[in-house]
Structure formats: structure tokens, C-alpha cells
Amino acid sequence: MNGATVQQYVNRGYAKAAPLIGNTYAQYRPTSATAPAISSTNLVTASLPAYFDPQVNFPADNPRQYGKAALKAVIDPGAVLPGDYLVGPERTYFVSSIQDLMPVLVVYANETVSIERTVANGNVGSLPYGGERPSLMTPVLGVWPASVLLKSKKEKNPTGLGSDVPQTEMEILLPYASGVSPVIEPADLLTLSTGISYAIDNVELTDLGYRLRASMVIT
């Protein structure tokens, strides 16, 4: 017996357990960075069984907690890829990482985000100032579900007015789908489904996907 054989047994065990303890989810696999991730053209299957738990500790006695988006999935690892979305009647998750002999790592996506980038304007005007205009923005990422959670750090509002509240900093987790996900850069503009915009400050890309830090745009 070797590692590959053991992995097959592990996959088979998760595949048998998932329909017994889990629910059915629709599986989507994005094919374009600038198109919505959840669409009929990206549907892989409408009935993939899966169960999610912070620790995969039976019986299920680990409820989700504030500020923790990552979960472990009882699901057939051979049926999913990093970047896949699993959409249920109440919650949406994305596959973050598939590691040998380990449960599939998923992230609870509580928001949808889109990302744009400012295109440099080559025209020279008569006044010495510039700024972002919708006509000079190019799409980087379409409407993709993501984890958007508040971080403890708060920055001083740059306007400096006495009635201002501290500027909000958020942590955004997005999947990395090989060959599909775009290159996200600092200074890109991220917008939530609510219309609130954040300027991306820091970008981290690992085998788990993207982790972004972003500050609310003050207008």
C-alpha cells in the first residue's frame, strides 16, 4: 500500500459519509474572472452532498464562531477543485485547499464582491489634479462570493473631523482558481453587494487562496 492507495480509501470514506450526515449543494466552477462566479454556465452539478464543521469532530459539537470563516468539509475530495463554489439553501462556501489525507478546507462566503482597477489616463489636463472616474476603471473580478469580515484594527479617519468614526478595515478571503483567478493588486477597488467600496491595501496569495486587507473608501 502506498500514499495514493491510502488517499483513494480516504476519498471513498468522505464520499460515503457526506450524503449520510450532510446536505445537498449546487457546485459551480468559475470559468472567467470578470463574469459572475455563480451562473448556469458554471454549474458542475446541482446535487453534491457535503457537510461542514469547524473541526470535523463527531458528533457535530463545534458551532461556527465570530471572525472564523474557514471550515473543514466532509465531501468527496475527488469531486471538487480549489476555487469551486458550493451553494446551499442558506449558505455559500468556496473550496480553499485540497491537501493529501486531510479534509477539504472550505471558506464560508458571507458576501459577494467585485474588483476594479484604475486605468492611467494619458491625457494631460490644464489643472494639476487627478482621481478615479468610472470611465477609467477596468474590471478585474466579476461578482464572486467571498468572506468579508471585520478586523480589530481601526484606522484614523483621514478627514480629521471630530464627528468622524474610525476608518473600517476588513479582511477579504477569495479562492484562487488556477487559470481563471486574476492578479489582484494593492490599490485595486473592491465593492460589496451593498455598494460600499474598499481600497485594497495588502494582498497575500498562497495555496489557500487570496487574503486581502482593505480600508473603506471615504468620499
C-alpha atoms as a PDB file:
ATOM      1  CA  MET A   1       0.000   0.000   0.000  1.00  0.00           C
ATOM      2  CA  ASN A   2       1.255   3.484  -0.851  1.00  0.00           C
ATOM      3  CA  GLY A   3       0.140   7.085  -0.375  1.00  0.00           C
ATOM      4  CA  ALA A   4      -2.021   7.110  -3.492  1.00  0.00           C
ATOM      5  CA  THR A   5      -3.889   3.989  -2.351  1.00  0.00           C
ATOM      6  CA  VAL A   6      -4.476   5.451   1.100  1.00  0.00           C
ATOM      7  CA  GLN A   7      -5.775   8.648  -0.499  1.00  0.00           C
ATOM      8  CA  GLN A   8      -8.282   6.609  -2.505  1.00  0.00           C
ATOM      9  CA  TYR A   9      -9.572   4.999   0.696  1.00  0.00           C
ATOM     10  CA  VAL A  10      -9.829   8.389   2.389  1.00  0.00           C
ATOM     11  CA  ASN A  11     -11.714   9.872  -0.563  1.00  0.00           C
ATOM     12  CA  ARG A  12     -14.075   6.918  -0.610  1.00  0.00           C
ATOM     13  CA  GLY A  13     -14.782   7.303   3.110  1.00  0.00           C
ATOM     14  CA  TYR A  14     -15.595  11.006   2.818  1.00  0.00           C
ATOM     15  CA  ALA A  15     -17.754  10.342  -0.254  1.00  0.00           C
ATOM     16  CA  LYS A  16     -19.802   7.719   1.671  1.00  0.00           C
ATOM     17  CA  ALA A  17     -20.168   9.885   4.799  1.00  0.00           C
ATOM     18  CA  ALA A  18     -21.211  13.108   3.051  1.00  0.00           C
ATOM     19  CA  PRO A  19     -24.753  12.057   1.973  1.00  0.00           C
ATOM     20  CA  LEU A  20     -25.395  10.442   5.364  1.00  0.00           C
ATOM     21  CA  ILE A  21     -24.686  13.499   7.513  1.00  0.00           C
ATOM     22  CA  GLY A  22     -24.667  16.429   5.102  1.00  0.00           C
ATOM     23  CA  ASN A  23     -26.911  18.384   2.778  1.00  0.00           C
ATOM     24  CA  THR A  24     -27.039  18.751  -0.980  1.00  0.00           C
ATOM     25  CA  TYR A  25     -25.233  21.678  -2.605  1.00  0.00           C
ATOM     26  CA  ALA A  26     -25.012  23.061  -6.114  1.00  0.00           C
ATOM     27  CA  GLN A  27     -21.407  23.076  -7.325  1.00  0.00           C
ATOM     28  CA  TYR A  28     -20.127  25.909  -9.516  1.00  0.00           C
ATOM     29  CA  ARG A  29     -16.716  26.217 -11.168  1.00  0.00           C
ATOM     30  CA  PRO A  30     -15.819  29.740 -12.415  1.00  0.00           C
ATOM     31  CA  THR A  31     -14.590  29.964 -15.987  1.00  0.00           C
ATOM     32  CA  SER A  32     -13.988  33.714 -16.263  1.00  0.00           C
ATOM     33  CA  ALA A  33     -12.557  36.188 -13.758  1.00  0.00           C
ATOM     34  CA  THR A  34     -14.724  39.068 -14.901  1.00  0.00           C
ATOM     35  CA  ALA A  35     -18.007  37.135 -15.118  1.00  0.00           C
ATOM     36  CA  PRO A  36     -20.223  36.204 -12.146  1.00  0.00           C
ATOM     37  CA  ALA A  37     -18.965  33.049 -10.464  1.00  0.00           C
ATOM     38  CA  ILE A  38     -22.452  31.729  -9.745  1.00  0.00           C
ATOM     39  CA  SER A  39     -24.166  31.270 -13.096  1.00  0.00           C
ATOM     40  CA  SER A  40     -25.795  28.474 -15.065  1.00  0.00           C
ATOM     41  CA  THR A  41     -22.797  28.241 -17.386  1.00  0.00           C
ATOM     42  CA  ASN A  42     -20.544  27.404 -14.420  1.00  0.00           C
ATOM     43  CA  LEU A  43     -22.789  24.731 -12.905  1.00  0.00           C
ATOM     44  CA  VAL A  44     -20.995  21.396 -12.458  1.00  0.00           C
ATOM     45  CA  THR A  45     -23.725  19.558 -10.569  1.00  0.00           C
ATOM     46  CA  ALA A  46     -26.846  20.561  -8.693  1.00  0.00           C
ATOM     47  CA  SER A  47     -26.625  17.749  -6.143  1.00  0.00           C
ATOM     48  CA  LEU A  48     -23.255  17.378  -4.454  1.00  0.00           C
ATOM     49  CA  PRO A  49     -23.536  16.094  -0.851  1.00  0.00           C
ATOM     50  CA  ALA A  50     -21.357  17.849   1.732  1.00  0.00           C
ATOM     51  CA  TYR A  51     -21.123  18.542   5.441  1.00  0.00           C
ATOM     52  CA  PHE A  52     -19.208  21.434   7.029  1.00  0.00           C
ATOM     53  CA  ASP A  53     -17.761  21.683  10.529  1.00  0.00           C
ATOM     54  CA  PRO A  54     -15.041  23.825  12.153  1.00  0.00           C
ATOM     55  CA  GLN A  55     -13.198  20.692  13.308  1.00  0.00           C
ATOM     56  CA  VAL A  56     -14.951  17.697  11.695  1.00  0.00           C
ATOM     57  CA  ASN A  57     -15.265  16.380  15.221  1.00  0.00           C
ATOM     58  CA  PHE A  58     -18.110  13.910  15.607  1.00  0.00           C
ATOM     59  CA  PRO A  59     -20.735  14.358  16.867  1.00  0.00           C
ATOM     60  CA  ALA A  60     -21.089  17.859  15.448  1.00  0.00           C
ATOM     61  CA  ASP A  61     -20.419  19.969  18.521  1.00  0.00           C
ATOM     62  CA  ASN A  62     -18.362  22.812  17.030  1.00  0.00           C
ATOM     63  CA  PRO A  63     -20.611  25.731  16.045  1.00  0.00           C
ATOM     64  CA  ARG A  64     -19.086  28.469  13.927  1.00  0.00           C
ATOM     65  CA  GLN A  65     -17.670  31.442  15.794  1.00  0.00           C
ATOM     66  CA  TYR A  66     -17.276  35.143  15.097  1.00  0.00           C
ATOM     67  CA  GLY A  67     -14.373  36.035  12.866  1.00  0.00           C
ATOM     68  CA  LYS A  68     -13.671  32.466  11.728  1.00  0.00           C
ATOM     69  CA  ALA A  69     -14.586  31.724   8.120  1.00  0.00           C
ATOM     70  CA  ALA A  70     -12.562  28.547   7.456  1.00  0.00           C
ATOM     71  CA  LEU A  71     -14.274  25.176   7.867  1.00  0.00           C
ATOM     72  CA  LYS A  72     -13.460  21.556   7.123  1.00  0.00           C
ATOM     73  CA  ALA A  73     -15.712  19.663   4.741  1.00  0.00           C
ATOM     74  CA  VAL A  74     -16.882  16.084   4.668  1.00  0.00           C
ATOM     75  CA  ILE A  75     -17.043  15.794   0.896  1.00  0.00           C
ATOM     76  CA  ASP A  76     -15.525  13.649  -1.837  1.00  0.00           C
ATOM     77  CA  PRO A  77     -12.132  15.359  -2.431  1.00  0.00           C
ATOM     78  CA  GLY A  78     -12.026  13.896  -5.931  1.00  0.00           C
ATOM     79  CA  ALA A  79     -15.203  15.734  -6.914  1.00  0.00           C
ATOM     80  CA  VAL A  80     -14.031  19.294  -6.254  1.00  0.00           C
ATOM     81  CA  LEU A  81     -11.202  21.674  -7.157  1.00  0.00           C
ATOM     82  CA  PRO A  82      -9.831  24.761  -5.385  1.00  0.00           C
ATOM     83  CA  GLY A  83     -11.976  27.693  -6.462  1.00  0.00           C
ATOM     84  CA  ASP A  84     -15.214  25.699  -6.692  1.00  0.00           C
ATOM     85  CA  TYR A  85     -18.292  27.202  -5.054  1.00  0.00           C
ATOM     86  CA  LEU A  86     -20.844  25.152  -3.110  1.00  0.00           C
ATOM     87  CA  VAL A  87     -24.216  26.852  -2.865  1.00  0.00           C
ATOM     88  CA  GLY A  88     -26.860  25.618  -0.453  1.00  0.00           C
ATOM     89  CA  PRO A  89     -30.305  26.899   0.507  1.00  0.00           C
ATOM     90  CA  GLU A  90     -28.861  29.050   3.287  1.00  0.00           C
ATOM     91  CA  ARG A  91     -25.084  29.389   2.845  1.00  0.00           C
ATOM     92  CA  THR A  92     -22.387  29.541   0.200  1.00  0.00           C
ATOM     93  CA  TYR A  93     -18.863  28.158   0.557  1.00  0.00           C
ATOM     94  CA  PHE A  94     -15.802  28.052  -1.651  1.00  0.00           C
ATOM     95  CA  VAL A  95     -13.125  25.360  -1.781  1.00  0.00           C
ATOM     96  CA  SER A  96      -9.906  26.858  -0.450  1.00  0.00           C
ATOM     97  CA  SER A  97      -7.498  23.921  -0.450  1.00  0.00           C
ATOM     98  CA  ILE A  98      -7.337  20.174  -1.016  1.00  0.00           C
ATOM     99  CA  GLN A  99      -4.478  18.593   0.919  1.00  0.00           C
ATOM    100  CA  ASP A 100      -3.378  14.960   0.949  1.00  0.00           C
ATOM    101  CA  LEU A 101      -5.186  12.801   3.527  1.00  0.00           C
ATOM    102  CA  MET A 102      -6.865  15.892   5.013  1.00  0.00           C
ATOM    103  CA  PRO A 103     -10.467  17.090   4.961  1.00  0.00           C
ATOM    104  CA  VAL A 104     -11.160  19.621   2.226  1.00  0.00           C
ATOM    105  CA  LEU A 105     -10.727  23.163   3.549  1.00  0.00           C
ATOM    106  CA  VAL A 106     -13.580  25.495   2.651  1.00  0.00           C
ATOM    107  CA  VAL A 107     -14.460  29.100   3.481  1.00  0.00           C
ATOM    108  CA  TYR A 108     -17.907  30.448   4.312  1.00  0.00           C
ATOM    109  CA  ALA A 109     -18.696  33.249   1.858  1.00  0.00           C
ATOM    110  CA  ASN A 110     -20.970  35.809   3.507  1.00  0.00           C
ATOM    111  CA  GLU A 111     -20.754  38.481   0.779  1.00  0.00           C
ATOM    112  CA  THR A 112     -20.241  38.989  -2.936  1.00  0.00           C
ATOM    113  CA  VAL A 113     -17.528  41.300  -4.213  1.00  0.00           C
ATOM    114  CA  SER A 114     -16.320  42.814  -7.450  1.00  0.00           C
ATOM    115  CA  ILE A 115     -12.906  44.379  -8.074  1.00  0.00           C
ATOM    116  CA  GLU A 116     -11.873  47.131 -10.468  1.00  0.00           C
ATOM    117  CA  ARG A 117      -8.587  48.815 -11.321  1.00  0.00           C
ATOM    118  CA  THR A 118      -7.846  52.385 -12.308  1.00  0.00           C
ATOM    119  CA  VAL A 119      -6.579  52.809 -15.852  1.00  0.00           C
ATOM    120  CA  ALA A 120      -3.939  55.504 -16.190  1.00  0.00           C
ATOM    121  CA  ASN A 121      -5.173  58.479 -18.159  1.00  0.00           C
ATOM    122  CA  GLY A 122      -2.614  59.548 -20.716  1.00  0.00           C
ATOM    123  CA  ASN A 123      -4.341  62.831 -21.404  1.00  0.00           C
ATOM    124  CA  VAL A 124      -2.829  65.926 -19.815  1.00  0.00           C
ATOM    125  CA  GLY A 125      -5.271  68.473 -18.476  1.00  0.00           C
ATOM    126  CA  SER A 126      -4.878  72.110 -17.601  1.00  0.00           C
ATOM    127  CA  LEU A 127      -5.354  71.546 -13.867  1.00  0.00           C
ATOM    128  CA  PRO A 128      -2.787  69.708 -11.683  1.00  0.00           C
ATOM    129  CA  TYR A 129      -5.016  67.066 -10.139  1.00  0.00           C
ATOM    130  CA  GLY A 130      -6.370  63.649 -10.934  1.00  0.00           C
ATOM    131  CA  GLY A 131      -8.583  60.959  -9.481  1.00  0.00           C
ATOM    132  CA  GLU A 132     -10.644  57.848 -10.149  1.00  0.00           C
ATOM    133  CA  ARG A 133     -13.520  58.034 -12.621  1.00  0.00           C
ATOM    134  CA  PRO A 134     -15.889  55.195 -13.565  1.00  0.00           C
ATOM    135  CA  SER A 135     -14.925  55.699 -17.206  1.00  0.00           C
ATOM    136  CA  LEU A 136     -11.294  54.969 -16.300  1.00  0.00           C
ATOM    137  CA  MET A 137     -11.932  51.760 -14.337  1.00  0.00           C
ATOM    138  CA  THR A 138     -11.386  48.303 -15.811  1.00  0.00           C
ATOM    139  CA  PRO A 139     -12.931  45.127 -14.304  1.00  0.00           C
ATOM    140  CA  VAL A 140     -10.579  42.723 -12.554  1.00  0.00           C
ATOM    141  CA  LEU A 141     -13.034  40.389 -10.842  1.00  0.00           C
ATOM    142  CA  GLY A 142     -16.735  39.904 -11.520  1.00  0.00           C
ATOM    143  CA  VAL A 143     -19.316  39.167  -8.856  1.00  0.00           C
ATOM    144  CA  TRP A 144     -17.688  36.421  -6.774  1.00  0.00           C
ATOM    145  CA  PRO A 145     -18.774  35.268  -3.296  1.00  0.00           C
ATOM    146  CA  ALA A 146     -16.136  35.966  -0.650  1.00  0.00           C
ATOM    147  CA  SER A 147     -15.589  36.040   3.081  1.00  0.00           C
ATOM    148  CA  VAL A 148     -15.676  39.656   4.264  1.00  0.00           C
ATOM    149  CA  LEU A 149     -15.011  40.054   7.985  1.00  0.00           C
ATOM    150  CA  LEU A 150     -14.236  42.999  10.219  1.00  0.00           C
ATOM    151  CA  LYS A 151     -10.714  43.198  11.636  1.00  0.00           C
ATOM    152  CA  SER A 152      -9.967  44.502  15.124  1.00  0.00           C
ATOM    153  CA  LYS A 153      -7.666  47.252  13.872  1.00  0.00           C
ATOM    154  CA  LYS A 154      -9.245  50.616  13.105  1.00  0.00           C
ATOM    155  CA  GLU A 155      -7.506  53.438  11.347  1.00  0.00           C
ATOM    156  CA  LYS A 156      -7.959  57.127  11.998  1.00  0.00           C
ATOM    157  CA  ASN A 157     -10.352  58.741   9.557  1.00  0.00           C
ATOM    158  CA  PRO A 158      -8.257  60.799   7.111  1.00  0.00           C
ATOM    159  CA  THR A 159     -10.720  63.701   7.116  1.00  0.00           C
ATOM    160  CA  GLY A 160      -9.805  64.521  10.730  1.00  0.00           C
ATOM    161  CA  LEU A 161     -13.258  65.815  11.677  1.00  0.00           C
ATOM    162  CA  GLY A 162     -14.375  65.472  15.269  1.00  0.00           C
ATOM    163  CA  SER A 163     -17.612  63.687  14.384  1.00  0.00           C
ATOM    164  CA  ASP A 164     -15.924  61.068  12.173  1.00  0.00           C
ATOM    165  CA  VAL A 165     -15.850  57.424  13.170  1.00  0.00           C
ATOM    166  CA  PRO A 166     -12.612  55.432  12.723  1.00  0.00           C
ATOM    167  CA  GLN A 167     -11.989  54.081   9.257  1.00  0.00           C
ATOM    168  CA  THR A 168     -13.025  50.423   8.927  1.00  0.00           C
ATOM    169  CA  GLU A 169     -10.521  47.756   7.900  1.00  0.00           C
ATOM    170  CA  MET A 170     -11.788  44.451   6.512  1.00  0.00           C
ATOM    171  CA  GLU A 171     -10.234  41.070   5.748  1.00  0.00           C
ATOM    172  CA  ILE A 172     -11.421  39.501   2.497  1.00  0.00           C
ATOM    173  CA  LEU A 173     -10.838  35.862   1.570  1.00  0.00           C
ATOM    174  CA  LEU A 174     -11.221  34.767  -2.054  1.00  0.00           C
ATOM    175  CA  PRO A 175     -10.439  31.465  -3.760  1.00  0.00           C
ATOM    176  CA  TYR A 176      -7.681  31.007  -6.278  1.00  0.00           C
ATOM    177  CA  ALA A 177      -8.874  29.013  -9.289  1.00  0.00           C
ATOM    178  CA  SER A 178      -5.879  28.064 -11.417  1.00  0.00           C
ATOM    179  CA  GLY A 179      -6.049  29.566 -14.879  1.00  0.00           C
ATOM    180  CA  VAL A 180      -9.084  31.676 -14.005  1.00  0.00           C
ATOM    181  CA  SER A 181      -8.410  33.900 -10.990  1.00  0.00           C
ATOM    182  CA  PRO A 182      -6.922  37.301 -11.833  1.00  0.00           C
ATOM    183  CA  VAL A 183      -3.878  39.040 -10.382  1.00  0.00           C
ATOM    184  CA  ILE A 184      -5.199  41.274  -7.607  1.00  0.00           C
ATOM    185  CA  GLU A 185      -3.034  44.247  -6.719  1.00  0.00           C
ATOM    186  CA  PRO A 186      -2.833  46.814  -3.909  1.00  0.00           C
ATOM    187  CA  ALA A 187      -4.848  49.947  -4.747  1.00  0.00           C
ATOM    188  CA  ASP A 188      -7.494  47.932  -6.613  1.00  0.00           C
ATOM    189  CA  LEU A 189     -11.039  48.968  -5.695  1.00  0.00           C
ATOM    190  CA  LEU A 190     -13.259  46.301  -4.115  1.00  0.00           C
ATOM    191  CA  THR A 191     -17.020  46.817  -3.945  1.00  0.00           C
ATOM    192  CA  LEU A 192     -19.511  44.816  -1.861  1.00  0.00           C
ATOM    193  CA  SER A 193     -23.037  43.884  -2.906  1.00  0.00           C
ATOM    194  CA  THR A 194     -24.220  46.748  -0.682  1.00  0.00           C
ATOM    195  CA  GLY A 195     -22.327  49.257  -2.839  1.00  0.00           C
ATOM    196  CA  ILE A 196     -19.754  50.055  -0.147  1.00  0.00           C
ATOM    197  CA  SER A 197     -16.243  50.313  -1.609  1.00  0.00           C
ATOM    198  CA  TYR A 198     -12.868  49.467  -0.107  1.00  0.00           C
ATOM    199  CA  ALA A 199      -9.365  50.228  -1.301  1.00  0.00           C
ATOM    200  CA  ILE A 200      -7.173  47.115  -1.183  1.00  0.00           C
ATOM    201  CA  ASP A 201      -4.120  47.791   0.998  1.00  0.00           C
ATOM    202  CA  ASN A 202      -2.377  44.408   1.117  1.00  0.00           C
ATOM    203  CA  VAL A 203      -2.547  41.256  -0.996  1.00  0.00           C
ATOM    204  CA  GLU A 204      -1.455  37.785   0.124  1.00  0.00           C
ATOM    205  CA  LEU A 205      -1.661  34.818  -2.251  1.00  0.00           C
ATOM    206  CA  THR A 206      -0.894  31.312  -1.003  1.00  0.00           C
ATOM    207  CA  ASP A 207      -2.060  27.805  -1.846  1.00  0.00           C
ATOM    208  CA  LEU A 208      -5.122  28.613   0.294  1.00  0.00           C
ATOM    209  CA  GLY A 209      -6.172  31.458  -1.999  1.00  0.00           C
ATOM    210  CA  TYR A 210      -6.250  35.233  -1.645  1.00  0.00           C
ATOM    211  CA  ARG A 211      -6.244  37.081   1.670  1.00  0.00           C
ATOM    212  CA  LEU A 212      -6.784  40.820   1.278  1.00  0.00           C
ATOM    213  CA  ARG A 213      -6.764  43.719   3.702  1.00  0.00           C
ATOM    214  CA  ALA A 214      -8.846  46.686   2.627  1.00  0.00           C
ATOM    215  CA  SER A 215      -9.906  50.051   4.045  1.00  0.00           C
ATOM    216  CA  MET A 216     -13.226  51.768   3.442  1.00  0.00           C
ATOM    217  CA  VAL A 217     -13.139  54.435   0.774  1.00  0.00           C
ATOM    218  CA  ILE A 218     -14.050  57.846   2.212  1.00  0.00           C
ATOM    219  CA  THR A 219     -15.838  60.079  -0.275  1.00  0.00           C
END
